Each structure stands twice: as C-alpha cells, then as structure tokens.
Amino acid sequence: MNLSGHSTSATTELPSLRYFAQRLLRDLDAVTAGLTLPWNSGVVEGHVNRIKMLKRQMFDRAGFELLRKRVLLSA
C-alpha cells in the first residue's frame, strides 16, 4: 500500500486527527500487517484482561503472593 502521496494537511483544523494520521503513516507497515495477516493477539489480550480484573478485585486486600495464587489458580 502506497500512501506517500497522501498528505495530512487536510486535517490542519483538527490537530488530534492530524497527529493520529501522522502516527499511522509513520508505522504503516505494522498497521498494514495488523489488518491483512491472519494472526491476532486476541488470546493474549484475553489473558491480560483477566489478570487486570483479578488485580482490581484484589486491590488493597492482600499482598503479591495471594494475587499470584489467584492468577495461577484461575488459569
């Protein structure tokens, strides 16, 4: 995909959109791969989400060891 001719000058009135477009163009190879390759990180994201939920539930209740046991036992 060749977007070298495209400019972000049309978004000068919207700085946040211009910033987003510039970052997309800067990392265009990764964006293209993410949209076209059959692999994804859905399983990993699910595990991260589960661990964050456990961490929120355990906040200020006990130390790291109990959190570690809950994470390992919930797998």
C-alpha atoms as a PDB file:
ATOM      1  CA  MET A   1       0.000   0.000   0.000  1.00  0.00           C
ATOM      2  CA  ASN A   2       1.494   3.298  -1.048  1.00  0.00           C
ATOM      3  CA  LEU A   3       0.251   6.362   0.797  1.00  0.00           C
ATOM      4  CA  SER A   4       3.271   8.538   0.170  1.00  0.00           C
ATOM      5  CA  GLY A   5       1.199  10.901  -1.992  1.00  0.00           C
ATOM      6  CA  HIS A   6      -1.358  11.439   0.751  1.00  0.00           C
ATOM      7  CA  SER A   7      -0.985  14.434   2.961  1.00  0.00           C
ATOM      8  CA  THR A   8      -2.307  15.172   6.401  1.00  0.00           C
ATOM      9  CA  SER A   9      -2.636  18.858   5.539  1.00  0.00           C
ATOM     10  CA  ALA A  10      -6.404  18.470   5.118  1.00  0.00           C
ATOM     11  CA  THR A  11      -6.702  17.877   8.853  1.00  0.00           C
ATOM     12  CA  THR A  12      -4.926  21.043   9.977  1.00  0.00           C
ATOM     13  CA  GLU A  13      -8.116  22.226  11.681  1.00  0.00           C
ATOM     14  CA  LEU A  14      -8.202  19.029  13.755  1.00  0.00           C
ATOM     15  CA  PRO A  15      -4.802  18.642  15.447  1.00  0.00           C
ATOM     16  CA  SER A  16      -5.669  15.354  17.171  1.00  0.00           C
ATOM     17  CA  LEU A  17      -6.752  13.796  13.871  1.00  0.00           C
ATOM     18  CA  ARG A  18      -3.604  15.099  12.164  1.00  0.00           C
ATOM     19  CA  TYR A  19      -1.463  13.587  14.944  1.00  0.00           C
ATOM     20  CA  PHE A  20      -3.270  10.241  14.601  1.00  0.00           C
ATOM     21  CA  ALA A  21      -2.821  10.205  10.807  1.00  0.00           C
ATOM     22  CA  GLN A  22       0.860  11.079  11.099  1.00  0.00           C
ATOM     23  CA  ARG A  23       1.414   8.205  13.526  1.00  0.00           C
ATOM     24  CA  LEU A  24      -0.449   5.788  11.253  1.00  0.00           C
ATOM     25  CA  LEU A  25       1.741   6.776   8.326  1.00  0.00           C
ATOM     26  CA  ARG A  26       4.881   6.520  10.459  1.00  0.00           C
ATOM     27  CA  ASP A  27       4.028   2.922  11.391  1.00  0.00           C
ATOM     28  CA  LEU A  28       2.275   1.969   8.158  1.00  0.00           C
ATOM     29  CA  ASP A  29       3.962  -1.453   7.856  1.00  0.00           C
ATOM     30  CA  ALA A  30       2.644  -2.552  11.248  1.00  0.00           C
ATOM     31  CA  VAL A  31      -0.840  -1.165  10.531  1.00  0.00           C
ATOM     32  CA  THR A  32      -0.981  -2.952   7.176  1.00  0.00           C
ATOM     33  CA  ALA A  33       0.214  -6.217   8.732  1.00  0.00           C
ATOM     34  CA  GLY A  34      -2.349  -5.939  11.514  1.00  0.00           C
ATOM     35  CA  LEU A  35      -5.163  -5.513   9.036  1.00  0.00           C
ATOM     36  CA  THR A  36      -4.110  -8.104   6.467  1.00  0.00           C
ATOM     37  CA  LEU A  37      -2.383 -11.002   8.261  1.00  0.00           C
ATOM     38  CA  PRO A  38      -4.470 -13.866   9.664  1.00  0.00           C
ATOM     39  CA  TRP A  39      -2.812 -13.757  13.112  1.00  0.00           C
ATOM     40  CA  ASN A  40      -4.006 -11.676  16.035  1.00  0.00           C
ATOM     41  CA  SER A  41      -3.302 -11.201  19.720  1.00  0.00           C
ATOM     42  CA  GLY A  42      -6.840 -11.877  20.924  1.00  0.00           C
ATOM     43  CA  VAL A  43      -5.908 -14.756  23.215  1.00  0.00           C
ATOM     44  CA  VAL A  44      -3.117 -12.770  24.842  1.00  0.00           C
ATOM     45  CA  GLU A  45      -5.396  -9.754  25.296  1.00  0.00           C
ATOM     46  CA  GLY A  46      -7.958 -12.025  26.973  1.00  0.00           C
ATOM     47  CA  HIS A  47      -5.364 -13.226  29.484  1.00  0.00           C
ATOM     48  CA  VAL A  48      -4.215  -9.664  30.154  1.00  0.00           C
ATOM     49  CA  ASN A  49      -7.824  -8.593  30.707  1.00  0.00           C
ATOM     50  CA  ARG A  50      -8.396 -11.487  33.137  1.00  0.00           C
ATOM     51  CA  ILE A  51      -5.266 -10.646  35.127  1.00  0.00           C
ATOM     52  CA  LYS A  52      -6.235  -6.961  35.306  1.00  0.00           C
ATOM     53  CA  MET A  53      -9.674  -7.938  36.593  1.00  0.00           C
ATOM     54  CA  LEU A  54      -8.138 -10.121  39.297  1.00  0.00           C
ATOM     55  CA  LYS A  55      -5.742  -7.340  40.218  1.00  0.00           C
ATOM     56  CA  ARG A  56      -8.630  -4.854  40.581  1.00  0.00           C
ATOM     57  CA  GLN A  57     -10.539  -7.330  42.744  1.00  0.00           C
ATOM     58  CA  MET A  58      -7.525  -7.875  44.983  1.00  0.00           C
ATOM     59  CA  PHE A  59      -6.544  -4.206  45.276  1.00  0.00           C
ATOM     60  CA  ASP A  60      -5.510  -3.358  48.837  1.00  0.00           C
ATOM     61  CA  ARG A  61      -6.698  -6.712  50.202  1.00  0.00           C
ATOM     62  CA  ALA A  62      -3.554  -8.768  50.342  1.00  0.00           C
ATOM     63  CA  GLY A  63      -0.014  -8.984  49.121  1.00  0.00           C
ATOM     64  CA  PHE A  64       1.555 -10.150  45.933  1.00  0.00           C
ATOM     65  CA  GLU A  65       1.601 -13.823  46.973  1.00  0.00           C
ATOM     66  CA  LEU A  66      -2.197 -14.073  47.213  1.00  0.00           C
ATOM     67  CA  LEU A  67      -2.603 -12.273  43.900  1.00  0.00           C
ATOM     68  CA  ARG A  68      -0.086 -14.679  42.337  1.00  0.00           C
ATOM     69  CA  LYS A  69      -2.025 -17.698  43.667  1.00  0.00           C
ATOM     70  CA  ARG A  70      -5.335 -16.357  42.319  1.00  0.00           C
ATOM     71  CA  VAL A  71      -3.823 -15.722  38.883  1.00  0.00           C
ATOM     72  CA  LEU A  72      -2.288 -19.185  38.720  1.00  0.00           C
ATOM     73  CA  LEU A  73      -5.410 -20.955  40.022  1.00  0.00           C
ATOM     74  CA  SER A  74      -7.784 -19.145  37.675  1.00  0.00           C
ATOM     75  CA  ALA A  75      -5.920 -20.253  34.562  1.00  0.00           C
END
